[in-house]
PDB file of N, CA and C in Angstrom:
ATOM      1  N   MET A   1     -10.749  -4.987 -26.068  1.00  0.00           N
ATOM      2  CA  MET A   1     -10.204  -5.752 -24.979  1.00  0.00           C
ATOM      3  C   MET A   1      -9.771  -7.129 -25.478  1.00  0.00           C
ATOM      4  N   ARG A   2     -10.601  -7.778 -26.228  1.00  0.00           N
ATOM      5  CA  ARG A   2     -10.286  -9.121 -26.725  1.00  0.00           C
ATOM      6  C   ARG A   2      -9.022  -9.105 -27.577  1.00  0.00           C
ATOM      7  N   ALA A   3      -8.868  -8.102 -28.434  1.00  0.00           N
ATOM      8  CA  ALA A   3      -7.698  -8.027 -29.314  1.00  0.00           C
ATOM      9  C   ALA A   3      -6.414  -7.883 -28.506  1.00  0.00           C
ATOM     10  N   VAL A   4      -6.447  -7.105 -27.451  1.00  0.00           N
ATOM     11  CA  VAL A   4      -5.260  -6.915 -26.606  1.00  0.00           C
ATOM     12  C   VAL A   4      -4.881  -8.228 -25.928  1.00  0.00           C
ATOM     13  N   LEU A   5      -5.860  -8.919 -25.373  1.00  0.00           N
ATOM     14  CA  LEU A   5      -5.574 -10.166 -24.669  1.00  0.00           C
ATOM     15  C   LEU A   5      -5.147 -11.269 -25.629  1.00  0.00           C
ATOM     16  N   GLU A   6      -5.744 -11.335 -26.798  1.00  0.00           N
ATOM     17  CA  GLU A   6      -5.333 -12.336 -27.781  1.00  0.00           C
ATOM     18  C   GLU A   6      -3.922 -12.061 -28.288  1.00  0.00           C
ATOM     19  N   ALA A   7      -3.540 -10.800 -28.405  1.00  0.00           N
ATOM     20  CA  ALA A   7      -2.173 -10.458 -28.799  1.00  0.00           C
ATOM     21  C   ALA A   7      -1.176 -10.891 -27.727  1.00  0.00           C
ATOM     22  N   ALA A   8      -1.629 -10.945 -26.476  1.00  0.00           N
ATOM     23  CA  ALA A   8      -0.778 -11.390 -25.371  1.00  0.00           C
ATOM     24  C   ALA A   8      -0.774 -12.905 -25.238  1.00  0.00           C
ATOM     25  N   GLY A   9      -1.583 -13.597 -26.044  1.00  0.00           N
ATOM     26  CA  GLY A   9      -1.602 -15.054 -26.021  1.00  0.00           C
ATOM     27  C   GLY A   9      -2.719 -15.653 -25.182  1.00  0.00           C
ATOM     28  N   ILE A  10      -3.608 -14.821 -24.683  1.00  0.00           N
ATOM     29  CA  ILE A  10      -4.740 -15.300 -23.888  1.00  0.00           C
ATOM     30  C   ILE A  10      -5.932 -15.431 -24.838  1.00  0.00           C
ATOM     31  N   THR A  11      -6.372 -16.681 -25.064  1.00  0.00           N
ATOM     32  CA  THR A  11      -7.396 -16.897 -26.081  1.00  0.00           C
ATOM     33  C   THR A  11      -8.793 -17.135 -25.511  1.00  0.00           C
ATOM     34  N   ASP A  12      -8.900 -17.643 -24.313  1.00  0.00           N
ATOM     35  CA  ASP A  12     -10.203 -17.955 -23.731  1.00  0.00           C
ATOM     36  C   ASP A  12     -10.649 -16.782 -22.863  1.00  0.00           C
ATOM     37  N   VAL A  13     -11.319 -15.813 -23.471  1.00  0.00           N
ATOM     38  CA  VAL A  13     -11.658 -14.576 -22.788  1.00  0.00           C
ATOM     39  C   VAL A  13     -13.165 -14.381 -22.791  1.00  0.00           C
ATOM     40  N   LEU A  14     -13.694 -14.051 -21.630  1.00  0.00           N
ATOM     41  CA  LEU A  14     -15.093 -13.659 -21.511  1.00  0.00           C
ATOM     42  C   LEU A  14     -15.098 -12.333 -20.767  1.00  0.00           C
ATOM     43  N   ALA A  15     -15.459 -11.271 -21.465  1.00  0.00           N
ATOM     44  CA  ALA A  15     -15.392  -9.942 -20.863  1.00  0.00           C
ATOM     45  C   ALA A  15     -16.440  -9.039 -21.490  1.00  0.00           C
ATOM     46  N   LYS A  16     -16.656  -7.913 -20.816  1.00  0.00           N
ATOM     47  CA  LYS A  16     -17.621  -6.950 -21.315  1.00  0.00           C
ATOM     48  C   LYS A  16     -17.079  -5.555 -21.051  1.00  0.00           C
ATOM     49  N   ASN A  17     -17.240  -4.678 -22.022  1.00  0.00           N
ATOM     50  CA  ASN A  17     -16.866  -3.277 -21.847  1.00  0.00           C
ATOM     51  C   ASN A  17     -17.996  -2.534 -21.164  1.00  0.00           C
ATOM     52  N   LEU A  18     -17.656  -1.820 -20.122  1.00  0.00           N
ATOM     53  CA  LEU A  18     -18.622  -0.951 -19.471  1.00  0.00           C
ATOM     54  C   LEU A  18     -18.131   0.473 -19.627  1.00  0.00           C
ATOM     55  N   GLY A  19     -18.934   1.325 -20.208  1.00  0.00           N
ATOM     56  CA  GLY A  19     -18.506   2.705 -20.376  1.00  0.00           C
ATOM     57  C   GLY A  19     -18.066   2.985 -21.795  1.00  0.00           C
ATOM     58  N   SER A  20     -16.858   3.499 -21.909  1.00  0.00           N
ATOM     59  CA  SER A  20     -16.348   4.001 -23.178  1.00  0.00           C
ATOM     60  C   SER A  20     -16.180   2.905 -24.227  1.00  0.00           C
ATOM     61  N   ALA A  21     -16.502   3.245 -25.465  1.00  0.00           N
ATOM     62  CA  ALA A  21     -16.262   2.345 -26.588  1.00  0.00           C
ATOM     63  C   ALA A  21     -15.091   2.876 -27.416  1.00  0.00           C
ATOM     64  N   ASN A  22     -14.468   3.954 -26.958  1.00  0.00           N
ATOM     65  CA  ASN A  22     -13.312   4.532 -27.630  1.00  0.00           C
ATOM     66  C   ASN A  22     -12.156   3.532 -27.541  1.00  0.00           C
ATOM     67  N   PRO A  23     -11.622   3.070 -28.667  1.00  0.00           N
ATOM     68  CA  PRO A  23     -10.582   2.037 -28.658  1.00  0.00           C
ATOM     69  C   PRO A  23      -9.358   2.390 -27.813  1.00  0.00           C
ATOM     70  N   THR A  24      -8.951   3.648 -27.826  1.00  0.00           N
ATOM     71  CA  THR A  24      -7.790   4.056 -27.025  1.00  0.00           C
ATOM     72  C   THR A  24      -8.063   3.877 -25.540  1.00  0.00           C
ATOM     73  N   ASN A  25      -9.230   4.287 -25.094  1.00  0.00           N
ATOM     74  CA  ASN A  25      -9.577   4.158 -23.681  1.00  0.00           C
ATOM     75  C   ASN A  25      -9.733   2.696 -23.276  1.00  0.00           C
ATOM     76  N   VAL A  26     -10.251   1.878 -24.163  1.00  0.00           N
ATOM     77  CA  VAL A  26     -10.420   0.455 -23.871  1.00  0.00           C
ATOM     78  C   VAL A  26      -9.058  -0.210 -23.698  1.00  0.00           C
ATOM     79  N   VAL A  27      -8.108   0.119 -24.559  1.00  0.00           N
ATOM     80  CA  VAL A  27      -6.765  -0.452 -24.449  1.00  0.00           C
ATOM     81  C   VAL A  27      -6.097   0.005 -23.159  1.00  0.00           C
ATOM     82  N   LYS A  28      -6.202   1.287 -22.831  1.00  0.00           N
ATOM     83  CA  LYS A  28      -5.620   1.805 -21.587  1.00  0.00           C
ATOM     84  C   LYS A  28      -6.235   1.115 -20.369  1.00  0.00           C
ATOM     85  N   ALA A  29      -7.539   0.944 -20.372  1.00  0.00           N
ATOM     86  CA  ALA A  29      -8.222   0.300 -19.253  1.00  0.00           C
ATOM     87  C   ALA A  29      -7.825  -1.173 -19.137  1.00  0.00           C
ATOM     88  N   THR A  30      -7.640  -1.845 -20.271  1.00  0.00           N
ATOM     89  CA  THR A  30      -7.221  -3.247 -20.264  1.00  0.00           C
ATOM     90  C   THR A  30      -5.840  -3.389 -19.647  1.00  0.00           C
ATOM     91  N   PHE A  31      -4.902  -2.545 -20.058  1.00  0.00           N
ATOM     92  CA  PHE A  31      -3.555  -2.596 -19.489  1.00  0.00           C
ATOM     93  C   PHE A  31      -3.564  -2.273 -18.000  1.00  0.00           C
ATOM     94  N   LYS A  32      -4.376  -1.309 -17.595  1.00  0.00           N
ATOM     95  CA  LYS A  32      -4.461  -0.958 -16.174  1.00  0.00           C
ATOM     96  C   LYS A  32      -5.016  -2.130 -15.370  1.00  0.00           C
ATOM     97  N   ALA A  33      -6.028  -2.795 -15.904  1.00  0.00           N
ATOM     98  CA  ALA A  33      -6.621  -3.949 -15.217  1.00  0.00           C
ATOM     99  C   ALA A  33      -5.618  -5.093 -15.098  1.00  0.00           C
ATOM    100  N   LEU A  34      -4.860  -5.358 -16.153  1.00  0.00           N
ATOM    101  CA  LEU A  34      -3.860  -6.421 -16.108  1.00  0.00           C
ATOM    102  C   LEU A  34      -2.744  -6.096 -15.121  1.00  0.00           C
ATOM    103  N   ALA A  35      -2.400  -4.817 -15.009  1.00  0.00           N
ATOM    104  CA  ALA A  35      -1.335  -4.401 -14.094  1.00  0.00           C
ATOM    105  C   ALA A  35      -1.754  -4.505 -12.637  1.00  0.00           C
ATOM    106  N   THR A  36      -3.060  -4.443 -12.369  1.00  0.00           N
ATOM    107  CA  THR A  36      -3.523  -4.469 -10.982  1.00  0.00           C
ATOM    108  C   THR A  36      -3.942  -5.859 -10.503  1.00  0.00           C
ATOM    109  N   LEU A  37      -3.766  -6.879 -11.353  1.00  0.00           N
ATOM    110  CA  LEU A  37      -4.071  -8.245 -10.918  1.00  0.00           C
ATOM    111  C   LEU A  37      -3.134  -8.663  -9.793  1.00  0.00           C
ATOM    112  N   ARG A  38      -3.651  -9.438  -8.856  1.00  0.00           N
ATOM    113  CA  ARG A  38      -2.852  -9.909  -7.726  1.00  0.00           C
ATOM    114  C   ARG A  38      -2.807 -11.432  -7.717  1.00  0.00           C
ATOM    115  N   GLU A  39      -1.765 -11.965  -7.091  1.00  0.00           N
ATOM    116  CA  GLU A  39      -1.622 -13.404  -6.922  1.00  0.00           C
ATOM    117  C   GLU A  39      -2.667 -13.909  -5.928  1.00  0.00           C
ATOM    118  N   PRO A  40      -3.185 -15.119  -6.126  1.00  0.00           N
ATOM    119  CA  PRO A  40      -4.170 -15.663  -5.191  1.00  0.00           C
ATOM    120  C   PRO A  40      -3.652 -15.751  -3.748  1.00  0.00           C
ATOM    121  N   ILE A  41      -2.378 -16.032  -3.577  1.00  0.00           N
ATOM    122  CA  ILE A  41      -1.812 -16.122  -2.224  1.00  0.00           C
ATOM    123  C   ILE A  41      -1.860 -14.757  -1.538  1.00  0.00           C
ATOM    124  N   ALA A  42      -1.586 -13.692  -2.278  1.00  0.00           N
ATOM    125  CA  ALA A  42      -1.638 -12.342  -1.706  1.00  0.00           C
ATOM    126  C   ALA A  42      -3.068 -11.985  -1.306  1.00  0.00           C
ATOM    127  N   VAL A  43      -4.031 -12.382  -2.114  1.00  0.00           N
ATOM    128  CA  VAL A  43      -5.435 -12.120  -1.791  1.00  0.00           C
ATOM    129  C   VAL A  43      -5.826 -12.863  -0.508  1.00  0.00           C
ATOM    130  N   ALA A  44      -5.403 -14.121  -0.394  1.00  0.00           N
ATOM    131  CA  ALA A  44      -5.721 -14.918   0.789  1.00  0.00           C
ATOM    132  C   ALA A  44      -5.119 -14.290   2.041  1.00  0.00           C
ATOM    133  N   LYS A  45      -3.876 -13.829   1.960  1.00  0.00           N
ATOM    134  CA  LYS A  45      -3.230 -13.201   3.117  1.00  0.00           C
ATOM    135  C   LYS A  45      -3.931 -11.908   3.503  1.00  0.00           C
ATOM    136  N   THR A  46      -4.297 -11.110   2.508  1.00  0.00           N
ATOM    137  CA  THR A  46      -4.979  -9.844   2.773  1.00  0.00           C
ATOM    138  C   THR A  46      -6.322 -10.075   3.460  1.00  0.00           C
ATOM    139  N   ARG A  47      -7.052 -11.079   3.001  1.00  0.00           N
ATOM    140  CA  ARG A  47      -8.373 -11.376   3.566  1.00  0.00           C
ATOM    141  C   ARG A  47      -8.303 -12.220   4.828  1.00  0.00           C
ATOM    142  N   GLY A  48      -7.139 -12.830   5.081  1.00  0.00           N
ATOM    143  CA  GLY A  48      -6.998 -13.680   6.270  1.00  0.00           C
ATOM    144  C   GLY A  48      -7.743 -14.997   6.143  1.00  0.00           C
ATOM    145  N   ILE A  49      -7.800 -15.536   4.925  1.00  0.00           N
ATOM    146  CA  ILE A  49      -8.483 -16.808   4.707  1.00  0.00           C
ATOM    147  C   ILE A  49      -7.541 -17.768   3.988  1.00  0.00           C
ATOM    148  N   SER A  50      -7.947 -19.022   3.884  1.00  0.00           N
ATOM    149  CA  SER A  50      -7.109 -20.019   3.209  1.00  0.00           C
ATOM    150  C   SER A  50      -7.178 -19.822   1.696  1.00  0.00           C
ATOM    151  N   LEU A  51      -6.165 -20.339   1.037  1.00  0.00           N
ATOM    152  CA  LEU A  51      -6.114 -20.253  -0.424  1.00  0.00           C
ATOM    153  C   LEU A  51      -7.276 -21.007  -1.052  1.00  0.00           C
ATOM    154  N   LYS A  52      -7.651 -22.125  -0.445  1.00  0.00           N
ATOM    155  CA  LYS A  52      -8.776 -22.914  -0.953  1.00  0.00           C
ATOM    156  C   LYS A  52     -10.067 -22.100  -0.919  1.00  0.00           C
ATOM    157  N   LYS A  53     -10.244 -21.326   0.119  1.00  0.00           N
ATOM    158  CA  LYS A  53     -11.456 -20.521   0.266  1.00  0.00           C
ATOM    159  C   LYS A  53     -11.503 -19.382  -0.764  1.00  0.00           C
ATOM    160  N   VAL A  54     -10.346 -18.901  -1.197  1.00  0.00           N
ATOM    161  CA  VAL A  54     -10.319 -17.858  -2.226  1.00  0.00           C
ATOM    162  C   VAL A  54     -10.958 -18.362  -3.509  1.00  0.00           C
ATOM    163  N   PHE A  55     -10.659 -19.627  -3.864  1.00  0.00           N
ATOM    164  CA  PHE A  55     -11.168 -20.169  -5.120  1.00  0.00           C
ATOM    165  C   PHE A  55     -12.574 -20.766  -4.985  1.00  0.00           C
ATOM    166  N   ASN A  56     -12.910 -21.305  -3.829  1.00  0.00           N
ATOM    167  CA  ASN A  56     -14.189 -21.989  -3.686  1.00  0.00           C
ATOM    168  C   ASN A  56     -15.256 -21.157  -2.982  1.00  0.00           C
ATOM    169  N   GLY A  57     -14.898 -20.002  -2.502  1.00  0.00           N
ATOM    170  CA  GLY A  57     -15.882 -19.123  -1.880  1.00  0.00           C
ATOM    171  C   GLY A  57     -16.244 -19.411  -0.505  1.00  0.00           C
TER     172      GLY A  57
END
């Protein structure tokens, strides 16, 4: 996971693999996770809360 994100230019990464240690599956899961990320504004609209509350809880 770290190698994929560092290749994309993201250097400050804190993550943990749960499940498979197979490198192919880890790369596939990393790409799937990155593809499903949402914008904070979309999350706020979906939850019906303010953007500030999304970040501060």
